[in-house]
C-alpha atoms as a PDB file:
ATOM      1  CA  MET A   1      89.174 -81.916  18.762  1.00  0.00           C
ATOM      2  CA  SER A   2      89.317 -81.590  22.525  1.00  0.00           C
ATOM      3  CA  ASN A   3      86.730 -82.425  25.262  1.00  0.00           C
ATOM      4  CA  TYR A   4      85.440 -79.357  27.192  1.00  0.00           C
ATOM      5  CA  PHE A   5      83.842 -81.545  30.053  1.00  0.00           C
ATOM      6  CA  SER A   6      81.944 -84.452  30.448  1.00  0.00           C
ATOM      7  CA  ASN A   7      78.608 -84.807  32.506  1.00  0.00           C
ATOM      8  CA  LYS A   8      77.658 -88.418  33.613  1.00  0.00           C
ATOM      9  CA  LEU A   9      73.920 -89.212  33.623  1.00  0.00           C
ATOM     10  CA  LYS A  10      72.050 -91.860  35.473  1.00  0.00           C
ATOM     11  CA  PRO A  11      74.243 -95.029  34.787  1.00  0.00           C
ATOM     12  CA  PHE A  12      73.028 -98.571  33.766  1.00  0.00           C
ATOM     13  CA  VAL A  13      73.076-100.641  36.810  1.00  0.00           C
ATOM     14  CA  ASP A  14      72.502-104.591  37.474  1.00  0.00           C
ATOM     15  CA  LYS A  15      69.755-105.721  39.990  1.00  0.00           C
ATOM     16  CA  GLU A  16      72.161-105.118  42.948  1.00  0.00           C
ATOM     17  CA  GLY A  17      72.448-101.385  41.957  1.00  0.00           C
ATOM     18  CA  LYS A  18      76.116-101.834  40.648  1.00  0.00           C
ATOM     19  CA  ILE A  19      76.987 -99.948  37.562  1.00  0.00           C
ATOM     20  CA  LEU A  20      77.356-102.452  34.506  1.00  0.00           C
ATOM     21  CA  LYS A  21      80.818-103.052  33.323  1.00  0.00           C
ATOM     22  CA  ASP A  22      81.636-101.286  30.011  1.00  0.00           C
ATOM     23  CA  SER A  23      78.392 -99.494  29.964  1.00  0.00           C
ATOM     24  CA  ILE A  24      78.073 -95.777  29.181  1.00  0.00           C
ATOM     25  CA  SER A  25      75.807 -93.075  30.041  1.00  0.00           C
ATOM     26  CA  GLU A  26      77.288 -89.549  29.624  1.00  0.00           C
ATOM     27  CA  LYS A  27      76.501 -86.124  28.303  1.00  0.00           C
ATOM     28  CA  ILE A  28      79.507 -84.693  26.708  1.00  0.00           C
ATOM     29  CA  PHE A  29      80.718 -81.679  24.816  1.00  0.00           C
ATOM     30  CA  VAL A  30      83.475 -81.909  21.967  1.00  0.00           C
ATOM     31  CA  ASN A  31      85.019 -79.245  19.667  1.00  0.00           C
ATOM     32  CA  ILE A  32      84.003 -79.920  16.204  1.00  0.00           C
ATOM     33  CA  ASN A  33      84.985 -77.597  13.401  1.00  0.00           C
ATOM     34  CA  ASN A  34      85.558 -74.666  16.156  1.00  0.00           C
ATOM     35  CA  SER A  35      82.150 -75.197  17.520  1.00  0.00           C
ATOM     36  CA  LYS A  36      81.304 -76.521  21.111  1.00  0.00           C
ATOM     37  CA  GLN A  37      78.699 -79.317  20.199  1.00  0.00           C
ATOM     38  CA  GLY A  38      76.941 -81.565  22.830  1.00  0.00           C
ATOM     39  CA  MET A  39      75.546 -85.295  22.741  1.00  0.00           C
ATOM     40  CA  PHE A  40      74.403 -87.911  24.786  1.00  0.00           C
ATOM     41  CA  ILE A  41      75.914 -91.384  24.647  1.00  0.00           C
ATOM     42  CA  LYS A  42      73.934 -94.429  26.091  1.00  0.00           C
ATOM     43  CA  GLY A  43      74.608 -98.012  25.911  1.00  0.00           C
ATOM     44  CA  LYS A  44      74.993-100.959  28.283  1.00  0.00           C
ATOM     45  CA  ASN A  45      78.331-102.272  26.520  1.00  0.00           C
ATOM     46  CA  ILE A  46      80.598 -99.902  24.716  1.00  0.00           C
ATOM     47  CA  HIS A  47      81.824-102.747  22.607  1.00  0.00           C
ATOM     48  CA  ASN A  48      78.383-103.130  20.896  1.00  0.00           C
ATOM     49  CA  PRO A  49      77.792-101.335  17.381  1.00  0.00           C
ATOM     50  CA  ILE A  50      77.134 -97.683  17.500  1.00  0.00           C
ATOM     51  CA  ILE A  51      74.307 -95.921  15.993  1.00  0.00           C
ATOM     52  CA  LEU A  52      74.720 -91.970  15.355  1.00  0.00           C
ATOM     53  CA  PHE A  53      71.349 -90.308  15.573  1.00  0.00           C
ATOM     54  CA  LEU A  54      70.515 -87.192  13.367  1.00  0.00           C
ATOM     55  CA  HIS A  55      67.606 -85.357  14.572  1.00  0.00           C
ATOM     56  CA  GLY A  56      65.433 -83.241  12.610  1.00  0.00           C
ATOM     57  CA  GLY A  57      63.851 -79.946  13.495  1.00  0.00           C
ATOM     58  CA  MET A  58      64.816 -80.262  17.098  1.00  0.00           C
ATOM     59  CA  PRO A  59      66.873 -82.631  19.319  1.00  0.00           C
ATOM     60  CA  GLU A  60      64.914 -85.759  20.265  1.00  0.00           C
ATOM     61  CA  TYR A  61      66.696 -87.229  23.055  1.00  0.00           C
ATOM     62  CA  PHE A  62      64.333 -85.931  25.747  1.00  0.00           C
ATOM     63  CA  LEU A  63      61.343 -87.720  24.099  1.00  0.00           C
ATOM     64  CA  THR A  64      62.978 -90.927  25.350  1.00  0.00           C
ATOM     65  CA  LYS A  65      61.818 -90.483  28.874  1.00  0.00           C
ATOM     66  CA  LYS A  66      58.349 -90.860  27.645  1.00  0.00           C
ATOM     67  CA  PHE A  67      59.192 -93.130  24.691  1.00  0.00           C
ATOM     68  CA  PRO A  68      62.124 -95.359  25.552  1.00  0.00           C
ATOM     69  CA  LEU A  69      63.726 -97.021  22.544  1.00  0.00           C
ATOM     70  CA  ASP A  70      64.896-100.074  24.730  1.00  0.00           C
ATOM     71  CA  ILE A  71      67.972-100.790  22.279  1.00  0.00           C
ATOM     72  CA  GLU A  72      70.877 -99.815  24.558  1.00  0.00           C
ATOM     73  CA  ASP A  73      71.312-103.384  25.637  1.00  0.00           C
ATOM     74  CA  LYS A  74      72.392-104.097  21.810  1.00  0.00           C
ATOM     75  CA  PHE A  75      73.624-100.845  20.573  1.00  0.00           C
ATOM     76  CA  THR A  76      75.492 -97.716  21.843  1.00  0.00           C
ATOM     77  CA  ILE A  77      73.206 -94.943  20.599  1.00  0.00           C
ATOM     78  CA  VAL A  78      74.487 -91.315  20.132  1.00  0.00           C
ATOM     79  CA  TRP A  79      72.159 -88.465  20.520  1.00  0.00           C
ATOM     80  CA  TRP A  80      74.123 -85.616  18.947  1.00  0.00           C
ATOM     81  CA  ASP A  81      72.600 -82.309  18.975  1.00  0.00           C
ATOM     82  CA  GLN A  82      73.700 -80.808  15.794  1.00  0.00           C
ATOM     83  CA  ARG A  83      75.279 -77.220  15.219  1.00  0.00           C
ATOM     84  CA  GLY A  84      72.894 -74.633  16.320  1.00  0.00           C
ATOM     85  CA  ALA A  85      70.392 -76.842  18.135  1.00  0.00           C
ATOM     86  CA  GLY A  86      70.014 -77.856  21.924  1.00  0.00           C
ATOM     87  CA  LEU A  87      73.406 -78.508  23.607  1.00  0.00           C
ATOM     88  CA  SER A  88      75.028 -77.146  20.416  1.00  0.00           C
ATOM     89  CA  ASN A  89      73.398 -73.840  20.105  1.00  0.00           C
ATOM     90  CA  ASN A  90      75.778 -71.105  20.597  1.00  0.00           C
ATOM     91  CA  SER A  91      73.530 -67.907  20.901  1.00  0.00           C
ATOM     92  CA  LYS A  92      76.425 -65.601  20.148  1.00  0.00           C
ATOM     93  CA  LYS A  93      77.211 -67.040  16.577  1.00  0.00           C
ATOM     94  CA  GLY A  94      73.671 -67.543  15.364  1.00  0.00           C
ATOM     95  CA  ASN A  95      72.492 -69.906  12.704  1.00  0.00           C
ATOM     96  CA  ASP A  96      72.916 -67.680   9.774  1.00  0.00           C
ATOM     97  CA  LYS A  97      76.098 -69.484   8.726  1.00  0.00           C
ATOM     98  CA  ILE A  98      75.101 -72.941   8.994  1.00  0.00           C
ATOM     99  CA  THR A  99      75.159 -74.476   5.693  1.00  0.00           C
ATOM    100  CA  LEU A 100      74.397 -78.193   4.403  1.00  0.00           C
ATOM    101  CA  GLU A 101      78.165 -78.625   3.616  1.00  0.00           C
ATOM    102  CA  LEU A 102      79.098 -77.444   7.222  1.00  0.00           C
ATOM    103  CA  LEU A 103      76.603 -80.030   8.790  1.00  0.00           C
ATOM    104  CA  ILE A 104      77.902 -82.912   6.606  1.00  0.00           C
ATOM    105  CA  ASP A 105      81.433 -82.040   7.716  1.00  0.00           C
ATOM    106  CA  ASP A 106      80.127 -81.831  11.328  1.00  0.00           C
ATOM    107  CA  THR A 107      78.750 -85.366  10.985  1.00  0.00           C
ATOM    108  CA  VAL A 108      81.768 -86.807   9.389  1.00  0.00           C
ATOM    109  CA  SER A 109      83.857 -85.253  12.407  1.00  0.00           C
ATOM    110  CA  ILE A 110      81.578 -86.615  14.982  1.00  0.00           C
ATOM    111  CA  THR A 111      81.796 -89.990  13.342  1.00  0.00           C
ATOM    112  CA  LYS A 112      85.557 -90.093  13.316  1.00  0.00           C
ATOM    113  CA  TYR A 113      85.520 -88.907  17.033  1.00  0.00           C
ATOM    114  CA  LEU A 114      83.204 -91.941  17.814  1.00  0.00           C
ATOM    115  CA  LEU A 115      85.410 -94.485  15.675  1.00  0.00           C
ATOM    116  CA  THR A 116      88.575 -93.228  17.413  1.00  0.00           C
ATOM    117  CA  ARG A 117      87.171 -93.108  20.939  1.00  0.00           C
ATOM    118  CA  PHE A 118      85.285 -96.451  20.643  1.00  0.00           C
ATOM    119  CA  ASN A 119      87.982 -98.316  18.635  1.00  0.00           C
ATOM    120  CA  LYS A 120      85.356 -98.946  15.716  1.00  0.00           C
ATOM    121  CA  GLU A 121      85.911 -99.304  11.810  1.00  0.00           C
ATOM    122  CA  LYS A 122      82.596 -98.280  11.000  1.00  0.00           C
ATOM    123  CA  ILE A 123      79.182 -97.069  12.706  1.00  0.00           C
ATOM    124  CA  PHE A 124      75.458 -97.086  11.660  1.00  0.00           C
ATOM    125  CA  LEU A 125      73.904 -93.646  10.840  1.00  0.00           C
ATOM    126  CA  LEU A 126      70.164 -93.046  11.467  1.00  0.00           C
ATOM    127  CA  GLY A 127      68.636 -89.968  10.095  1.00  0.00           C
ATOM    128  CA  HIS A 128      65.003 -89.036  11.327  1.00  0.00           C
ATOM    129  CA  SER A 129      62.909 -86.373   9.281  1.00  0.00           C
ATOM    130  CA  GLY A 130      65.065 -83.304   8.445  1.00  0.00           C
ATOM    131  CA  GLY A 131      67.983 -85.394   9.877  1.00  0.00           C
ATOM    132  CA  SER A 132      67.323 -88.047   7.035  1.00  0.00           C
ATOM    133  CA  PHE A 133      67.957 -85.157   4.647  1.00  0.00           C
ATOM    134  CA  LEU A 134      71.286 -84.748   5.970  1.00  0.00           C
ATOM    135  CA  GLY A 135      72.166 -88.308   6.492  1.00  0.00           C
ATOM    136  CA  ILE A 136      71.478 -89.402   2.715  1.00  0.00           C
ATOM    137  CA  HIS A 137      73.891 -86.735   1.961  1.00  0.00           C
ATOM    138  CA  VAL A 138      76.352 -87.948   4.370  1.00  0.00           C
ATOM    139  CA  VAL A 139      76.368 -91.375   3.314  1.00  0.00           C
ATOM    140  CA  ASN A 140      76.533 -90.444  -0.173  1.00  0.00           C
ATOM    141  CA  LYS A 141      79.674 -88.678   0.044  1.00  0.00           C
ATOM    142  CA  ASN A 142      81.057 -90.894   3.041  1.00  0.00           C
ATOM    143  CA  PRO A 143      80.144 -94.444   2.496  1.00  0.00           C
ATOM    144  CA  GLU A 144      83.350 -95.633   3.961  1.00  0.00           C
ATOM    145  CA  LEU A 145      82.673 -94.591   7.306  1.00  0.00           C
ATOM    146  CA  TYR A 146      79.312 -96.560   7.745  1.00  0.00           C
ATOM    147  CA  LEU A 147      77.895-100.153   8.013  1.00  0.00           C
ATOM    148  CA  ALA A 148      74.551 -98.910   6.673  1.00  0.00           C
ATOM    149  CA  TYR A 149      71.975 -95.918   6.576  1.00  0.00           C
ATOM    150  CA  ILE A 150      68.628 -96.047   8.335  1.00  0.00           C
ATOM    151  CA  GLY A 151      66.179 -93.347   7.316  1.00  0.00           C
ATOM    152  CA  ILE A 152      63.292 -92.937   9.589  1.00  0.00           C
ATOM    153  CA  SER A 153      60.583 -90.784   8.024  1.00  0.00           C
ATOM    154  CA  GLN A 154      62.834 -90.421   5.164  1.00  0.00           C
ATOM    155  CA  MET A 155      62.604 -86.984   3.424  1.00  0.00           C
ATOM    156  CA  SER A 156      62.522 -87.151  -0.422  1.00  0.00           C
ATOM    157  CA  PHE A 157      60.741 -84.068  -2.010  1.00  0.00           C
ATOM    158  CA  GLN A 158      59.450 -82.081   0.782  1.00  0.00           C
ATOM    159  CA  ILE A 159      57.753 -79.224  -0.970  1.00  0.00           C
ATOM    160  CA  LYS A 160      55.734 -81.828  -2.751  1.00  0.00           C
ATOM    161  CA  SER A 161      55.259 -83.484   0.669  1.00  0.00           C
ATOM    162  CA  GLU A 162      53.625 -80.491   1.909  1.00  0.00           C
ATOM    163  CA  VAL A 163      51.258 -80.215  -0.906  1.00  0.00           C
ATOM    164  CA  ILE A 164      50.147 -83.617  -0.266  1.00  0.00           C
ATOM    165  CA  ALA A 165      49.741 -82.906   3.455  1.00  0.00           C
ATOM    166  CA  LEU A 166      47.760 -79.725   2.754  1.00  0.00           C
ATOM    167  CA  GLU A 167      45.137 -81.868   0.396  1.00  0.00           C
ATOM    168  CA  TYR A 168      44.690 -84.500   3.049  1.00  0.00           C
ATOM    169  CA  MET A 169      44.301 -81.981   5.989  1.00  0.00           C
ATOM    170  CA  ILE A 170      41.633 -80.045   4.028  1.00  0.00           C
ATOM    171  CA  SER A 171      39.806 -83.283   3.247  1.00  0.00           C
ATOM    172  CA  GLU A 172      40.060 -84.526   6.931  1.00  0.00           C
ATOM    173  CA  TYR A 173      38.970 -81.167   8.271  1.00  0.00           C
ATOM    174  CA  GLU A 174      35.892 -81.296   5.999  1.00  0.00           C
ATOM    175  CA  LYS A 175      34.995 -84.603   7.556  1.00  0.00           C
ATOM    176  CA  ILE A 176      35.070 -83.403  11.183  1.00  0.00           C
ATOM    177  CA  LYS A 177      33.703 -80.193  10.130  1.00  0.00           C
ATOM    178  CA  ASP A 178      36.341 -77.948  11.835  1.00  0.00           C
ATOM    179  CA  ASP A 179      35.269 -74.910   9.695  1.00  0.00           C
ATOM    180  CA  LYS A 180      37.820 -72.530  11.625  1.00  0.00           C
ATOM    181  CA  MET A 181      40.743 -74.667  10.681  1.00  0.00           C
ATOM    182  CA  LEU A 182      39.202 -75.469   7.215  1.00  0.00           C
ATOM    183  CA  ASN A 183      38.993 -71.730   6.369  1.00  0.00           C
ATOM    184  CA  LYS A 184      42.711 -71.194   7.096  1.00  0.00           C
ATOM    185  CA  LEU A 185      43.758 -74.127   5.138  1.00  0.00           C
ATOM    186  CA  ARG A 186      41.812 -73.327   2.198  1.00  0.00           C
ATOM    187  CA  ASN A 187      43.260 -70.001   2.061  1.00  0.00           C
ATOM    188  CA  VAL A 188      46.763 -71.458   1.666  1.00  0.00           C
ATOM    189  CA  ILE A 189      48.378 -71.850  -1.746  1.00  0.00           C
ATOM    190  CA  ILE A 190      51.809 -73.809  -1.959  1.00  0.00           C
ATOM    191  CA  GLN A 191      53.895 -73.259  -5.091  1.00  0.00           C
ATOM    192  CA  GLU A 192      56.728 -75.468  -5.701  1.00  0.00           C
ATOM    193  CA  ASP A 193      59.017 -72.936  -6.875  1.00  0.00           C
ATOM    194  CA  LYS A 194      58.455 -70.553  -3.681  1.00  0.00           C
ATOM    195  CA  GLU A 195      58.910 -70.921  -0.078  1.00  0.00           C
ATOM    196  CA  LEU A 196      56.069 -72.148   2.037  1.00  0.00           C
ATOM    197  CA  PRO A 197      53.449 -69.357   2.877  1.00  0.00           C
ATOM    198  CA  LYS A 198      53.986 -67.963   6.699  1.00  0.00           C
ATOM    199  CA  ASP A 199      50.439 -68.299   7.396  1.00  0.00           C
ATOM    200  CA  TYR A 200      50.503 -71.928   6.531  1.00  0.00           C
ATOM    201  CA  VAL A 201      53.759 -72.653   8.642  1.00  0.00           C
ATOM    202  CA  GLN A 202      52.103 -71.028  11.584  1.00  0.00           C
ATOM    203  CA  ILE A 203      49.366 -73.531  11.482  1.00  0.00           C
ATOM    204  CA  ARG A 204      50.897 -76.388  10.188  1.00  0.00           C
ATOM    205  CA  ASP A 205      52.082 -78.336  13.475  1.00  0.00           C
ATOM    206  CA  VAL A 206      48.799 -77.712  15.296  1.00  0.00           C
ATOM    207  CA  ALA A 207      46.716 -78.781  12.288  1.00  0.00           C
ATOM    208  CA  MET A 208      48.824 -81.960  11.758  1.00  0.00           C
ATOM    209  CA  HIS A 209      48.778 -83.075  15.444  1.00  0.00           C
ATOM    210  CA  LYS A 210      45.086 -82.525  15.647  1.00  0.00           C
ATOM    211  CA  ILE A 211      44.137 -85.172  13.145  1.00  0.00           C
ATOM    212  CA  GLY A 212      47.120 -87.568  14.083  1.00  0.00           C
ATOM    213  CA  ILE A 213      49.637 -87.043  11.249  1.00  0.00           C
ATOM    214  CA  GLY A 214      52.174 -85.204  13.451  1.00  0.00           C
ATOM    215  CA  THR A 215      54.888 -86.231  15.869  1.00  0.00           C
ATOM    216  CA  THR A 216      52.994 -89.327  16.696  1.00  0.00           C
ATOM    217  CA  HIS A 217      49.656 -90.733  15.735  1.00  0.00           C
ATOM    218  CA  ASN A 218      48.220 -90.390  19.256  1.00  0.00           C
ATOM    219  CA  MET A 219      49.870 -86.969  19.985  1.00  0.00           C
ATOM    220  CA  LYS A 220      47.467 -84.225  19.891  1.00  0.00           C
ATOM    221  CA  ASN A 221      48.867 -81.436  21.845  1.00  0.00           C
ATOM    222  CA  ILE A 222      52.539 -80.047  21.071  1.00  0.00           C
ATOM    223  CA  ILE A 223      52.575 -77.804  24.103  1.00  0.00           C
ATOM    224  CA  ASN A 224      51.961 -80.812  26.567  1.00  0.00           C
ATOM    225  CA  ASP A 225      53.686 -83.326  24.618  1.00  0.00           C
ATOM    226  CA  ILE A 226      56.706 -81.749  23.484  1.00  0.00           C
ATOM    227  CA  PHE A 227      57.236 -78.198  25.067  1.00  0.00           C
ATOM    228  CA  LEU A 228      56.537 -79.141  28.760  1.00  0.00           C
ATOM    229  CA  GLU A 229      58.289 -82.763  28.251  1.00  0.00           C
ATOM    230  CA  SER A 230      61.534 -80.725  27.482  1.00  0.00           C
ATOM    231  CA  LEU A 231      60.942 -78.555  30.258  1.00  0.00           C
ATOM    232  CA  LEU A 232      60.687 -81.592  32.832  1.00  0.00           C
ATOM    233  CA  PHE A 233      63.442 -83.355  31.230  1.00  0.00           C
ATOM    234  CA  SER A 234      66.302 -83.609  33.962  1.00  0.00           C
ATOM    235  CA  GLU A 235      69.195 -84.216  31.873  1.00  0.00           C
ATOM    236  CA  TYR A 236      69.154 -80.756  30.493  1.00  0.00           C
ATOM    237  CA  THR A 237      70.071 -78.010  32.833  1.00  0.00           C
ATOM    238  CA  ILE A 238      67.896 -74.750  32.959  1.00  0.00           C
ATOM    239  CA  THR A 239      70.673 -73.005  30.793  1.00  0.00           C
ATOM    240  CA  GLU A 240      70.521 -75.857  28.368  1.00  0.00           C
ATOM    241  CA  LYS A 241      66.696 -75.788  28.095  1.00  0.00           C
ATOM    242  CA  ILE A 242      66.614 -72.011  27.398  1.00  0.00           C
ATOM    243  CA  ALA A 243      69.267 -72.558  24.748  1.00  0.00           C
ATOM    244  CA  PHE A 244      67.264 -75.470  23.344  1.00  0.00           C
ATOM    245  CA  TRP A 245      64.178 -73.365  22.509  1.00  0.00           C
ATOM    246  CA  ALA A 246      66.238 -70.398  21.523  1.00  0.00           C
ATOM    247  CA  GLY A 247      67.859 -72.516  19.024  1.00  0.00           C
ATOM    248  CA  LYS A 248      64.501 -73.757  17.752  1.00  0.00           C
ATOM    249  CA  SER A 249      62.940 -70.288  17.458  1.00  0.00           C
ATOM    250  CA  LYS A 250      65.858 -69.276  15.335  1.00  0.00           C
ATOM    251  CA  SER A 251      65.883 -72.333  13.194  1.00  0.00           C
ATOM    252  CA  GLY A 252      62.201 -72.709  12.809  1.00  0.00           C
ATOM    253  CA  ILE A 253      61.075 -75.932  11.166  1.00  0.00           C
ATOM    254  CA  SER A 254      64.807 -76.577  10.302  1.00  0.00           C
ATOM    255  CA  VAL A 255      68.050 -74.455   9.802  1.00  0.00           C
ATOM    256  CA  LEU A 256      68.315 -75.807   6.220  1.00  0.00           C
ATOM    257  CA  TRP A 257      64.520 -75.574   5.631  1.00  0.00           C
ATOM    258  CA  ASN A 258      64.532 -73.402   2.530  1.00  0.00           C
ATOM    259  CA  GLU A 259      67.327 -75.527   1.080  1.00  0.00           C
ATOM    260  CA  MET A 260      65.919 -79.000   1.836  1.00  0.00           C
ATOM    261  CA  ILE A 261      62.444 -78.232   0.936  1.00  0.00           C
ATOM    262  CA  LYS A 262      62.946 -77.882  -2.728  1.00  0.00           C
ATOM    263  CA  LYS A 263      65.436 -80.649  -3.493  1.00  0.00           C
ATOM    264  CA  ASP A 264      63.924 -83.933  -5.097  1.00  0.00           C
ATOM    265  CA  LEU A 265      66.408 -86.538  -3.660  1.00  0.00           C
ATOM    266  CA  SER A 266      64.646 -89.235  -5.829  1.00  0.00           C
ATOM    267  CA  VAL A 267      66.185 -87.488  -8.777  1.00  0.00           C
ATOM    268  CA  GLU A 268      69.557 -86.143  -7.172  1.00  0.00           C
ATOM    269  CA  ILE A 269      71.065 -89.237  -5.188  1.00  0.00           C
ATOM    270  CA  LYS A 270      69.852 -92.718  -6.099  1.00  0.00           C
ATOM    271  CA  LYS A 271      73.011 -94.734  -5.921  1.00  0.00           C
ATOM    272  CA  PHE A 272      74.519 -95.827  -2.759  1.00  0.00           C
ATOM    273  CA  LYS A 273      77.508 -98.291  -1.960  1.00  0.00           C
ATOM    274  CA  ILE A 274      76.065 -99.363   1.455  1.00  0.00           C
ATOM    275  CA  PRO A 275      72.741-100.768   2.731  1.00  0.00           C
ATOM    276  CA  ILE A 276      69.922 -98.325   2.805  1.00  0.00           C
ATOM    277  CA  TYR A 277      66.843 -98.995   5.256  1.00  0.00           C
ATOM    278  CA  PHE A 278      63.654 -96.700   5.211  1.00  0.00           C
ATOM    279  CA  LEU A 279      61.350 -97.185   8.294  1.00  0.00           C
ATOM    280  CA  HIS A 280      58.044 -95.131   7.817  1.00  0.00           C
ATOM    281  CA  GLY A 281      54.788 -94.563   9.585  1.00  0.00           C
ATOM    282  CA  ILE A 282      51.691 -95.034   7.392  1.00  0.00           C
ATOM    283  CA  TYR A 283      50.043 -91.953   9.085  1.00  0.00           C
ATOM    284  CA  ASP A 284      53.026 -89.681   8.487  1.00  0.00           C
ATOM    285  CA  TYR A 285      52.286 -86.631   6.613  1.00  0.00           C
ATOM    286  CA  THR A 286      55.021 -84.492   7.984  1.00  0.00           C
ATOM    287  CA  CYS A 287      57.389 -86.225   5.612  1.00  0.00           C
ATOM    288  CA  SER A 288      55.194 -88.184   2.955  1.00  0.00           C
ATOM    289  CA  TYR A 289      54.890 -91.717   3.435  1.00  0.00           C
ATOM    290  CA  GLU A 290      54.149 -92.185  -0.364  1.00  0.00           C
ATOM    291  CA  LEU A 291      56.954 -89.877  -1.391  1.00  0.00           C
ATOM    292  CA  SER A 292      59.356 -91.890   0.586  1.00  0.00           C
ATOM    293  CA  LYS A 293      58.130 -95.090  -0.804  1.00  0.00           C
ATOM    294  CA  ARG A 294      58.687 -93.655  -4.176  1.00  0.00           C
ATOM    295  CA  TYR A 295      62.324 -92.507  -3.302  1.00  0.00           C
ATOM    296  CA  PHE A 296      63.054 -95.978  -2.037  1.00  0.00           C
ATOM    297  CA  ASN A 297      61.836 -97.613  -5.160  1.00  0.00           C
ATOM    298  CA  VAL A 298      64.483 -95.729  -7.506  1.00  0.00           C
ATOM    299  CA  ILE A 299      67.257 -96.489  -4.903  1.00  0.00           C
ATOM    300  CA  ASP A 300      70.297 -98.515  -6.162  1.00  0.00           C
ATOM    301  CA  ALA A 301      72.045-100.147  -3.106  1.00  0.00           C
ATOM    302  CA  PRO A 302      73.879-103.450  -2.365  1.00  0.00           C
ATOM    303  CA  ILE A 303      70.730-104.137  -0.279  1.00  0.00           C
ATOM    304  CA  LYS A 304      67.609-102.102   0.648  1.00  0.00           C
ATOM    305  CA  GLY A 305      64.674-102.611   2.788  1.00  0.00           C
ATOM    306  CA  PHE A 306      61.297-100.436   3.289  1.00  0.00           C
ATOM    307  CA  TYR A 307      59.322-101.071   6.621  1.00  0.00           C
ATOM    308  CA  THR A 308      55.918 -99.871   7.130  1.00  0.00           C
ATOM    309  CA  PHE A 309      54.946 -99.117  10.576  1.00  0.00           C
ATOM    310  CA  GLU A 310      51.010 -99.635  10.585  1.00  0.00           C
ATOM    311  CA  ASN A 311      50.233 -97.540  13.892  1.00  0.00           C
ATOM    312  CA  SER A 312      52.748 -94.571  13.598  1.00  0.00           C
ATOM    313  CA  ALA A 313      52.838 -91.136  12.229  1.00  0.00           C
ATOM    314  CA  HIS A 314      56.134 -89.409  12.076  1.00  0.00           C
ATOM    315  CA  SER A 315      57.935 -91.011  14.878  1.00  0.00           C
ATOM    316  CA  PRO A 316      57.734 -94.953  14.356  1.00  0.00           C
ATOM    317  CA  HIS A 317      61.022 -95.360  16.498  1.00  0.00           C
ATOM    318  CA  PHE A 318      59.016 -93.863  19.400  1.00  0.00           C
ATOM    319  CA  GLU A 319      55.611 -95.170  18.498  1.00  0.00           C
ATOM    320  CA  GLU A 320      56.607 -98.973  17.920  1.00  0.00           C
ATOM    321  CA  PRO A 321      59.853 -99.338  19.476  1.00  0.00           C
ATOM    322  CA  PHE A 322      59.621-103.175  19.627  1.00  0.00           C
ATOM    323  CA  LYS A 323      59.397-103.289  15.744  1.00  0.00           C
ATOM    324  CA  LEU A 324      62.070-101.054  15.644  1.00  0.00           C
ATOM    325  CA  LYS A 325      64.233-103.152  17.617  1.00  0.00           C
ATOM    326  CA  GLU A 326      63.305-106.392  15.762  1.00  0.00           C
ATOM    327  CA  ILE A 327      64.350-104.713  12.403  1.00  0.00           C
ATOM    328  CA  LEU A 328      67.583-103.601  13.721  1.00  0.00           C
ATOM    329  CA  LEU A 329      68.652-106.851  15.444  1.00  0.00           C
ATOM    330  CA  ASN A 330      67.263-109.302  12.562  1.00  0.00           C
ATOM    331  CA  ASP A 331      67.789-107.347   9.321  1.00  0.00           C
ATOM    332  CA  ILE A 332      70.016-104.313   9.873  1.00  0.00           C
ATOM    333  CA  LEU A 333      72.574-105.665  11.837  1.00  0.00           C
ATOM    334  CA  ASN A 334      72.952-108.783   9.719  1.00  0.00           C
ATOM    335  CA  CYS A 335      72.531-106.837   6.353  1.00  0.00           C
ATOM    336  CA  HIS A 336      69.362-108.522   5.387  1.00  0.00           C
ATOM    337  CA  ASN A 337      65.974-107.269   4.408  1.00  0.00           C
ATOM    338  CA  ASN A 338      63.815-110.262   5.346  1.00  0.00           C
ATOM    339  CA  MET A 339      61.270-108.205   7.547  1.00  0.00           C
ATOM    340  CA  SER A 340      60.875-105.630   4.914  1.00  0.00           C
ATOM    341  CA  ASP A 341      57.626-104.884   2.937  1.00  0.00           C
ATOM    342  CA  LYS A 342      57.138-107.453   0.261  1.00  0.00           C
END
């Protein structure tokens, strides 16, 4: 594994403008399993615990400009752009050969790189949305590398989640009398043994965001709040922004979508050797809150905690960052579940 190059970002500074000792703020590319992969590493003290963030359908670091997490004083957070996405999208290779096993192997390799570089024995693994499908598999197979697993908007049985979402959207669009969207949704038939209908996939994001069950509860327009935000984000170069959206267009909802949508994790992966924490927004229908709770209830782990975010949809870490920080510092860092739902 070798560094291609490192690109420093805006550093963390004190009140006098001096760079904080032991802080880190960088964009770096490393060779992982014969693939050049990029990540952003941010923290005010490299001796702090490390969180490796596994994104879902697209990298999320650019959203921290609008939705800062404010945890860099207590953690070093690694925003890794997975193979085929963002900084790690290689248009020449394509995404056809990306498999779950390859992404698991990539995650383990990234983890070992971080352990060696920062002289750690273990790190925290955090998976959001589609990244939670990957994360669950990683900690199931490699528990010795991780202090705990944090699933935000945890995926459990996604095809069933889509059925629940469709039923809810039809109900909500009936209430607001949006006949145009209602007609489109009523024409959709989701079958658990088949792929999602293309006409549903085409309207899914717009339909969810309009009624507050998409990326965030208050985000209504994905063009303004996601696409334009990414274009205005200064820490991606123009070339990287093109690669970002080229990767997204190739992968669709997720590069592993057809595989992950049909698996019921509450049946397949239930026993863990490390602490498991689920954080979920109550308005989330992208990955069902109800099904995430059902999955949590059958999990066997040394300690586990489920945390409901009352004002959030699919991104509680961005929507209620103060609560996220409290949970991280009071429970997860100390291997407790005192703040979890009772």
